[in-house]
Amino acid sequence: MHDHSSMVMDEITLAAAFLVGLFGSTHCAGMCGGVISALTLGLPDNIRGRFMRMLPFVLLYNIGRITSYAIAGLLVAGIGSLIVDMVDIKAVRFYVALVAGGFMIVLGLYIAGWWQGLMKLENLGSHIWKYFEPLGRKFLPIKNYHGALIAGAIWGWIPCGMVYTALVWTLTASSPTQGALLMVSFGLGTLPAMLFMGLAAGKLVGSLQKPLVRNIAGLTVIVFGLYSLWRVF
């Protein structure tokens, strides 16, 4: 049973995950902006360019994407919980929290464009993506709501250093459910940028990719990482 302080910490962590997703959207603009633009531009002519007709499709893409994040968070946090149950809980949580804070700093450097180390993780993820990508093509072009939801769920598994960092963070969760919640919070943080890019067919990508915007976003995420490390000690 959690005491009041641990519940506050959980709320702080979920809020931080949301903000990391929000500021990290500058990175999302590059890769995911292209994906959602392709999905949206492939819609039938009587839907594309009409805001109210496009909105349900863009929402369903993102619901599918965030659901995949939640499933991944549930699995990773579940594995983390199993490891914690088998060994010294305090020692494991301490080192995992250190790694998670370190990853967040690395993510901030990546978002700002100052260091591209996370690309190695994305390259590893590409081995998994090669199994999902052909499946996603089967639903293109998008013709109905069902196809939009499935395409979004497949999109959620695209190699992304930012998502991988958030998944490392779920290892600090107290349960698989907490891990899923953390990923949902992170996904909701990325939602505003993804909605705007989907509805504007990618026209905002250039604005979000400007060096000043990326630098500010990167610095903000680095601050979150430093704060996480400070909490550990």
C-alpha atoms as a PDB file:
ATOM      1  CA  MET A   1       0.000   0.000   0.000  1.00  0.00           C
ATOM      2  CA  HIS A   2       1.395   3.393  -0.991  1.00  0.00           C
ATOM      3  CA  ASP A   3       1.647   6.164   1.559  1.00  0.00           C
ATOM      4  CA  HIS A   4       0.627   9.761   0.765  1.00  0.00           C
ATOM      5  CA  SER A   5       4.158  10.803  -0.251  1.00  0.00           C
ATOM      6  CA  SER A   6       4.502   7.967  -2.787  1.00  0.00           C
ATOM      7  CA  MET A   7       1.143   8.903  -4.342  1.00  0.00           C
ATOM      8  CA  VAL A   8       2.373  12.497  -4.708  1.00  0.00           C
ATOM      9  CA  MET A   9       5.563  11.172  -6.308  1.00  0.00           C
ATOM     10  CA  ASP A  10       3.478   9.118  -8.765  1.00  0.00           C
ATOM     11  CA  GLU A  11       1.514  12.234  -9.723  1.00  0.00           C
ATOM     12  CA  ILE A  12       4.743  14.200 -10.168  1.00  0.00           C
ATOM     13  CA  THR A  13       6.158  11.424 -12.361  1.00  0.00           C
ATOM     14  CA  LEU A  14       3.027  11.274 -14.543  1.00  0.00           C
ATOM     15  CA  ALA A  15       3.041  15.068 -14.918  1.00  0.00           C
ATOM     16  CA  ALA A  16       6.746  14.963 -15.816  1.00  0.00           C
ATOM     17  CA  ALA A  17       6.086  12.213 -18.403  1.00  0.00           C
ATOM     18  CA  PHE A  18       3.374  14.397 -19.980  1.00  0.00           C
ATOM     19  CA  LEU A  19       5.731  17.388 -20.154  1.00  0.00           C
ATOM     20  CA  VAL A  20       8.574  15.301 -21.594  1.00  0.00           C
ATOM     21  CA  GLY A  21       6.171  14.150 -24.334  1.00  0.00           C
ATOM     22  CA  LEU A  22       5.013  17.725 -24.902  1.00  0.00           C
ATOM     23  CA  PHE A  23       8.507  19.206 -25.233  1.00  0.00           C
ATOM     24  CA  GLY A  24       9.842  16.144 -27.016  1.00  0.00           C
ATOM     25  CA  SER A  25       7.286  16.704 -29.778  1.00  0.00           C
ATOM     26  CA  THR A  26       9.928  18.798 -31.528  1.00  0.00           C
ATOM     27  CA  HIS A  27      11.731  15.509 -32.181  1.00  0.00           C
ATOM     28  CA  CYS A  28       8.459  13.780 -33.103  1.00  0.00           C
ATOM     29  CA  ALA A  29       7.971  16.356 -35.838  1.00  0.00           C
ATOM     30  CA  GLY A  30      10.750  14.842 -37.910  1.00  0.00           C
ATOM     31  CA  MET A  31       9.822  11.165 -38.011  1.00  0.00           C
ATOM     32  CA  CYS A  32       6.215  10.986 -36.850  1.00  0.00           C
ATOM     33  CA  GLY A  33       5.286  14.163 -38.715  1.00  0.00           C
ATOM     34  CA  GLY A  34       6.113  12.335 -41.936  1.00  0.00           C
ATOM     35  CA  VAL A  35       4.112   9.271 -40.881  1.00  0.00           C
ATOM     36  CA  ILE A  36       0.948  11.136 -39.941  1.00  0.00           C
ATOM     37  CA  SER A  37       1.221  13.325 -43.050  1.00  0.00           C
ATOM     38  CA  ALA A  38       1.388  10.200 -45.236  1.00  0.00           C
ATOM     39  CA  LEU A  39      -1.616   8.677 -43.445  1.00  0.00           C
ATOM     40  CA  THR A  40      -3.631  11.882 -43.774  1.00  0.00           C
ATOM     41  CA  LEU A  41      -2.709  12.633 -47.383  1.00  0.00           C
ATOM     42  CA  GLY A  42      -3.817   9.128 -48.286  1.00  0.00           C
ATOM     43  CA  LEU A  43      -7.391   9.753 -47.137  1.00  0.00           C
ATOM     44  CA  PRO A  44     -10.163   9.884 -49.784  1.00  0.00           C
ATOM     45  CA  ASP A  45     -10.649  13.236 -51.545  1.00  0.00           C
ATOM     46  CA  ASN A  46     -14.033  13.849 -49.889  1.00  0.00           C
ATOM     47  CA  ILE A  47     -12.348  13.703 -46.423  1.00  0.00           C
ATOM     48  CA  ARG A  48      -8.884  15.193 -46.945  1.00  0.00           C
ATOM     49  CA  GLY A  49      -8.740  18.922 -46.303  1.00  0.00           C
ATOM     50  CA  ARG A  50     -12.096  19.013 -44.474  1.00  0.00           C
ATOM     51  CA  PHE A  51     -11.412  19.582 -40.780  1.00  0.00           C
ATOM     52  CA  MET A  52     -14.451  17.888 -39.223  1.00  0.00           C
ATOM     53  CA  ARG A  53     -14.165  14.845 -41.500  1.00  0.00           C
ATOM     54  CA  MET A  54     -10.423  14.491 -40.928  1.00  0.00           C
ATOM     55  CA  LEU A  55     -10.566  14.928 -37.144  1.00  0.00           C
ATOM     56  CA  PRO A  56     -11.946  11.438 -36.270  1.00  0.00           C
ATOM     57  CA  PHE A  57      -9.249   9.781 -38.417  1.00  0.00           C
ATOM     58  CA  VAL A  58      -6.424  11.815 -36.875  1.00  0.00           C
ATOM     59  CA  LEU A  59      -7.780  11.118 -33.373  1.00  0.00           C
ATOM     60  CA  LEU A  60      -7.986   7.388 -34.096  1.00  0.00           C
ATOM     61  CA  TYR A  61      -4.393   7.318 -35.415  1.00  0.00           C
ATOM     62  CA  ASN A  62      -3.264   8.768 -32.122  1.00  0.00           C
ATOM     63  CA  ILE A  63      -5.515   6.614 -29.930  1.00  0.00           C
ATOM     64  CA  GLY A  64      -3.996   3.570 -31.622  1.00  0.00           C
ATOM     65  CA  ARG A  65      -0.460   4.944 -31.186  1.00  0.00           C
ATOM     66  CA  ILE A  66      -0.917   5.748 -27.485  1.00  0.00           C
ATOM     67  CA  THR A  67      -2.548   2.343 -26.881  1.00  0.00           C
ATOM     68  CA  SER A  68       0.603   0.700 -28.271  1.00  0.00           C
ATOM     69  CA  TYR A  69       2.707   2.864 -25.931  1.00  0.00           C
ATOM     70  CA  ALA A  70       0.549   1.701 -22.995  1.00  0.00           C
ATOM     71  CA  ILE A  71       0.964  -1.973 -23.972  1.00  0.00           C
ATOM     72  CA  ALA A  72       4.741  -1.520 -24.256  1.00  0.00           C
ATOM     73  CA  GLY A  73       4.821   0.249 -20.862  1.00  0.00           C
ATOM     74  CA  LEU A  74       2.785  -2.559 -19.292  1.00  0.00           C
ATOM     75  CA  LEU A  75       5.210  -5.184 -20.639  1.00  0.00           C
ATOM     76  CA  VAL A  76       8.433  -3.360 -19.719  1.00  0.00           C
ATOM     77  CA  ALA A  77       7.205  -2.390 -16.233  1.00  0.00           C
ATOM     78  CA  GLY A  78       6.021  -5.973 -15.755  1.00  0.00           C
ATOM     79  CA  ILE A  79       9.501  -7.297 -16.571  1.00  0.00           C
ATOM     80  CA  GLY A  80      10.986  -4.696 -14.221  1.00  0.00           C
ATOM     81  CA  SER A  81       8.648  -5.772 -11.406  1.00  0.00           C
ATOM     82  CA  LEU A  82       9.649  -9.422 -11.870  1.00  0.00           C
ATOM     83  CA  ILE A  83      13.339  -8.517 -11.595  1.00  0.00           C
ATOM     84  CA  VAL A  84      12.697  -6.400  -8.502  1.00  0.00           C
ATOM     85  CA  ASP A  85      10.810  -9.295  -6.867  1.00  0.00           C
ATOM     86  CA  MET A  86      13.756 -11.622  -7.442  1.00  0.00           C
ATOM     87  CA  VAL A  87      16.540  -9.415  -6.094  1.00  0.00           C
ATOM     88  CA  ASP A  88      17.237  -6.626  -3.593  1.00  0.00           C
ATOM     89  CA  ILE A  89      14.402  -4.162  -4.229  1.00  0.00           C
ATOM     90  CA  LYS A  90      16.092  -1.022  -2.914  1.00  0.00           C
ATOM     91  CA  ALA A  91      19.338  -1.599  -4.804  1.00  0.00           C
ATOM     92  CA  VAL A  92      17.566  -2.320  -8.103  1.00  0.00           C
ATOM     93  CA  ARG A  93      15.206   0.656  -7.858  1.00  0.00           C
ATOM     94  CA  PHE A  94      18.146   2.949  -7.044  1.00  0.00           C
ATOM     95  CA  TYR A  95      20.196   1.922 -10.092  1.00  0.00           C
ATOM     96  CA  VAL A  96      17.209   1.808 -12.442  1.00  0.00           C
ATOM     97  CA  ALA A  97      16.225   5.321 -11.326  1.00  0.00           C
ATOM     98  CA  LEU A  98      19.804   6.460 -12.017  1.00  0.00           C
ATOM     99  CA  VAL A  99      19.684   4.959 -15.515  1.00  0.00           C
ATOM    100  CA  ALA A 100      16.252   6.502 -16.206  1.00  0.00           C
ATOM    101  CA  GLY A 101      17.473   9.963 -15.153  1.00  0.00           C
ATOM    102  CA  GLY A 102      20.583   9.539 -17.290  1.00  0.00           C
ATOM    103  CA  PHE A 103      18.499   8.503 -20.287  1.00  0.00           C
ATOM    104  CA  MET A 104      16.371  11.616 -19.889  1.00  0.00           C
ATOM    105  CA  ILE A 105      19.465  13.827 -20.046  1.00  0.00           C
ATOM    106  CA  VAL A 106      20.591  11.939 -23.158  1.00  0.00           C
ATOM    107  CA  LEU A 107      17.100  12.454 -24.621  1.00  0.00           C
ATOM    108  CA  GLY A 108      17.357  16.206 -23.995  1.00  0.00           C
ATOM    109  CA  LEU A 109      20.693  16.298 -25.847  1.00  0.00           C
ATOM    110  CA  TYR A 110      19.102  14.305 -28.675  1.00  0.00           C
ATOM    111  CA  ILE A 111      16.043  16.565 -28.963  1.00  0.00           C
ATOM    112  CA  ALA A 112      18.245  19.660 -29.036  1.00  0.00           C
ATOM    113  CA  GLY A 113      20.414  18.066 -31.724  1.00  0.00           C
ATOM    114  CA  TRP A 114      23.591  18.246 -29.594  1.00  0.00           C
ATOM    115  CA  TRP A 115      24.273  14.497 -29.452  1.00  0.00           C
ATOM    116  CA  GLN A 116      22.740  11.713 -31.520  1.00  0.00           C
ATOM    117  CA  GLY A 117      23.586   8.721 -29.310  1.00  0.00           C
ATOM    118  CA  LEU A 118      19.948   7.599 -29.140  1.00  0.00           C
ATOM    119  CA  MET A 119      20.065   6.874 -32.864  1.00  0.00           C
ATOM    120  CA  LYS A 120      21.852   3.631 -31.944  1.00  0.00           C
ATOM    121  CA  LEU A 121      18.770   2.573 -29.973  1.00  0.00           C
ATOM    122  CA  GLU A 122      16.548   3.516 -32.908  1.00  0.00           C
ATOM    123  CA  ASN A 123      18.714   1.376 -35.176  1.00  0.00           C
ATOM    124  CA  LEU A 124      18.205  -1.578 -32.817  1.00  0.00           C
ATOM    125  CA  GLY A 125      14.455  -0.918 -32.854  1.00  0.00           C
ATOM    126  CA  SER A 126      14.457  -1.037 -36.650  1.00  0.00           C
ATOM    127  CA  HIS A 127      14.935  -4.816 -36.404  1.00  0.00           C
ATOM    128  CA  ILE A 128      11.538  -5.046 -34.678  1.00  0.00           C
ATOM    129  CA  TRP A 129       9.939  -2.443 -36.964  1.00  0.00           C
ATOM    130  CA  LYS A 130      10.674  -4.513 -40.092  1.00  0.00           C
ATOM    131  CA  TYR A 131       8.011  -6.977 -38.910  1.00  0.00           C
ATOM    132  CA  PHE A 132       5.372  -4.284 -38.268  1.00  0.00           C
ATOM    133  CA  GLU A 133       5.985  -2.078 -41.309  1.00  0.00           C
ATOM    134  CA  PRO A 134       4.681  -4.538 -43.971  1.00  0.00           C
ATOM    135  CA  LEU A 135       1.595  -5.118 -41.806  1.00  0.00           C
ATOM    136  CA  GLY A 136       0.934  -1.377 -41.715  1.00  0.00           C
ATOM    137  CA  ARG A 137       1.073  -1.132 -45.506  1.00  0.00           C
ATOM    138  CA  LYS A 138      -1.904  -3.486 -45.765  1.00  0.00           C
ATOM    139  CA  PHE A 139      -4.124  -0.770 -44.286  1.00  0.00           C
ATOM    140  CA  LEU A 140      -2.953   1.955 -46.671  1.00  0.00           C
ATOM    141  CA  PRO A 141      -4.566   4.024 -47.974  1.00  0.00           C
ATOM    142  CA  ILE A 142      -6.858   4.487 -44.971  1.00  0.00           C
ATOM    143  CA  LYS A 143     -10.477   3.939 -45.965  1.00  0.00           C
ATOM    144  CA  ASN A 144     -12.380   3.687 -42.665  1.00  0.00           C
ATOM    145  CA  TYR A 145     -12.180   4.277 -38.895  1.00  0.00           C
ATOM    146  CA  HIS A 146     -11.183   0.684 -38.215  1.00  0.00           C
ATOM    147  CA  GLY A 147      -8.202   0.989 -40.550  1.00  0.00           C
ATOM    148  CA  ALA A 148      -7.184   4.316 -38.968  1.00  0.00           C
ATOM    149  CA  LEU A 149      -7.114   2.796 -35.477  1.00  0.00           C
ATOM    150  CA  ILE A 150      -5.040  -0.228 -36.560  1.00  0.00           C
ATOM    151  CA  ALA A 151      -2.638   1.926 -38.610  1.00  0.00           C
ATOM    152  CA  GLY A 152      -2.143   4.133 -35.544  1.00  0.00           C
ATOM    153  CA  ALA A 153      -1.482   1.099 -33.330  1.00  0.00           C
ATOM    154  CA  ILE A 154       1.170  -0.132 -35.783  1.00  0.00           C
ATOM    155  CA  TRP A 155       2.670   3.369 -35.999  1.00  0.00           C
ATOM    156  CA  GLY A 156       3.170   3.203 -32.209  1.00  0.00           C
ATOM    157  CA  TRP A 157       5.952   0.621 -32.714  1.00  0.00           C
ATOM    158  CA  ILE A 158       8.074   2.744 -35.072  1.00  0.00           C
ATOM    159  CA  PRO A 159      11.697   3.028 -33.793  1.00  0.00           C
ATOM    160  CA  CYS A 160      11.924   6.178 -31.650  1.00  0.00           C
ATOM    161  CA  GLY A 161      14.637   7.100 -29.147  1.00  0.00           C
ATOM    162  CA  MET A 162      12.183   9.263 -27.228  1.00  0.00           C
ATOM    163  CA  VAL A 163       9.716   6.378 -26.766  1.00  0.00           C
ATOM    164  CA  TYR A 164      12.554   4.058 -25.753  1.00  0.00           C
ATOM    165  CA  THR A 165      13.678   6.557 -23.110  1.00  0.00           C
ATOM    166  CA  ALA A 166      10.137   6.709 -21.713  1.00  0.00           C
ATOM    167  CA  LEU A 167      10.081   2.886 -21.627  1.00  0.00           C
ATOM    168  CA  VAL A 168      13.318   2.824 -19.608  1.00  0.00           C
ATOM    169  CA  TRP A 169      11.544   5.219 -17.242  1.00  0.00           C
ATOM    170  CA  THR A 170       8.719   2.682 -16.771  1.00  0.00           C
ATOM    171  CA  LEU A 171      11.235   0.334 -15.131  1.00  0.00           C
ATOM    172  CA  THR A 172      10.992   2.627 -12.083  1.00  0.00           C
ATOM    173  CA  ALA A 173       7.208   2.112 -11.913  1.00  0.00           C
ATOM    174  CA  SER A 174       5.834   0.278  -8.886  1.00  0.00           C
ATOM    175  CA  SER A 175       3.601  -1.961 -11.045  1.00  0.00           C
ATOM    176  CA  PRO A 176       2.804  -2.810 -14.686  1.00  0.00           C
ATOM    177  CA  THR A 177      -0.310  -0.603 -14.445  1.00  0.00           C
ATOM    178  CA  GLN A 178       1.835   2.344 -13.344  1.00  0.00           C
ATOM    179  CA  GLY A 179       4.121   1.669 -16.303  1.00  0.00           C
ATOM    180  CA  ALA A 180       1.165   1.760 -18.695  1.00  0.00           C
ATOM    181  CA  LEU A 181      -0.103   4.990 -17.086  1.00  0.00           C
ATOM    182  CA  LEU A 182       3.311   6.603 -17.436  1.00  0.00           C
ATOM    183  CA  MET A 183       3.363   5.781 -21.168  1.00  0.00           C
ATOM    184  CA  VAL A 184      -0.191   7.067 -21.613  1.00  0.00           C
ATOM    185  CA  SER A 185       0.825  10.342 -19.921  1.00  0.00           C
ATOM    186  CA  PHE A 186       3.862  10.569 -22.183  1.00  0.00           C
ATOM    187  CA  GLY A 187       1.719   9.816 -25.248  1.00  0.00           C
ATOM    188  CA  LEU A 188      -0.844  12.466 -24.288  1.00  0.00           C
ATOM    189  CA  GLY A 189       2.002  14.969 -24.078  1.00  0.00           C
ATOM    190  CA  THR A 190       2.868  14.270 -27.723  1.00  0.00           C
ATOM    191  CA  LEU A 191      -0.805  14.475 -28.762  1.00  0.00           C
ATOM    192  CA  PRO A 192      -1.193  18.258 -29.373  1.00  0.00           C
ATOM    193  CA  ALA A 193       1.671  18.383 -31.888  1.00  0.00           C
ATOM    194  CA  MET A 194       0.538  15.168 -33.590  1.00  0.00           C
ATOM    195  CA  LEU A 195      -3.056  16.407 -33.897  1.00  0.00           C
ATOM    196  CA  PHE A 196      -1.976  19.729 -35.369  1.00  0.00           C
ATOM    197  CA  MET A 197       0.434  18.075 -37.791  1.00  0.00           C
ATOM    198  CA  GLY A 198      -2.177  15.539 -38.852  1.00  0.00           C
ATOM    199  CA  LEU A 199      -4.850  18.155 -39.467  1.00  0.00           C
ATOM    200  CA  ALA A 200      -2.407  20.530 -41.188  1.00  0.00           C
ATOM    201  CA  ALA A 201      -0.957  17.645 -43.257  1.00  0.00           C
ATOM    202  CA  GLY A 202       2.537  18.190 -41.871  1.00  0.00           C
ATOM    203  CA  LYS A 203       2.738  21.956 -42.455  1.00  0.00           C
ATOM    204  CA  LEU A 204       3.897  22.562 -38.858  1.00  0.00           C
ATOM    205  CA  VAL A 205       6.908  20.248 -39.132  1.00  0.00           C
ATOM    206  CA  GLY A 206       9.252  23.069 -40.170  1.00  0.00           C
ATOM    207  CA  SER A 207       8.217  25.273 -37.231  1.00  0.00           C
ATOM    208  CA  LEU A 208       8.772  22.540 -34.654  1.00  0.00           C
ATOM    209  CA  GLN A 209      12.147  21.642 -36.168  1.00  0.00           C
ATOM    210  CA  LYS A 210      13.619  25.164 -35.804  1.00  0.00           C
ATOM    211  CA  PRO A 211      16.928  25.123 -33.828  1.00  0.00           C
ATOM    212  CA  LEU A 212      15.674  27.559 -31.151  1.00  0.00           C
ATOM    213  CA  VAL A 213      12.531  25.509 -30.493  1.00  0.00           C
ATOM    214  CA  ARG A 214      14.529  22.272 -30.315  1.00  0.00           C
ATOM    215  CA  ASN A 215      17.169  23.819 -28.029  1.00  0.00           C
ATOM    216  CA  ILE A 216      14.570  25.090 -25.556  1.00  0.00           C
ATOM    217  CA  ALA A 217      12.748  21.735 -25.605  1.00  0.00           C
ATOM    218  CA  GLY A 218      16.006  19.824 -25.167  1.00  0.00           C
ATOM    219  CA  LEU A 219      17.124  21.986 -22.243  1.00  0.00           C
ATOM    220  CA  THR A 220      13.737  21.508 -20.569  1.00  0.00           C
ATOM    221  CA  VAL A 221      13.994  17.710 -20.811  1.00  0.00           C
ATOM    222  CA  ILE A 222      17.596  17.843 -19.476  1.00  0.00           C
ATOM    223  CA  VAL A 223      16.261  19.758 -16.456  1.00  0.00           C
ATOM    224  CA  PHE A 224      13.697  16.972 -15.903  1.00  0.00           C
ATOM    225  CA  GLY A 225      16.536  14.431 -16.058  1.00  0.00           C
ATOM    226  CA  LEU A 226      18.623  16.357 -13.528  1.00  0.00           C
ATOM    227  CA  TYR A 227      15.576  16.680 -11.266  1.00  0.00           C
ATOM    228  CA  SER A 228      15.017  12.893 -11.500  1.00  0.00           C
ATOM    229  CA  LEU A 229      18.628  12.264 -10.459  1.00  0.00           C
ATOM    230  CA  TRP A 230      18.286  14.752  -7.611  1.00  0.00           C
ATOM    231  CA  ARG A 231      15.201  12.857  -6.391  1.00  0.00           C
ATOM    232  CA  VAL A 232      17.163   9.593  -6.425  1.00  0.00           C
ATOM    233  CA  PHE A 233      19.807  11.019  -4.092  1.00  0.00           C
END
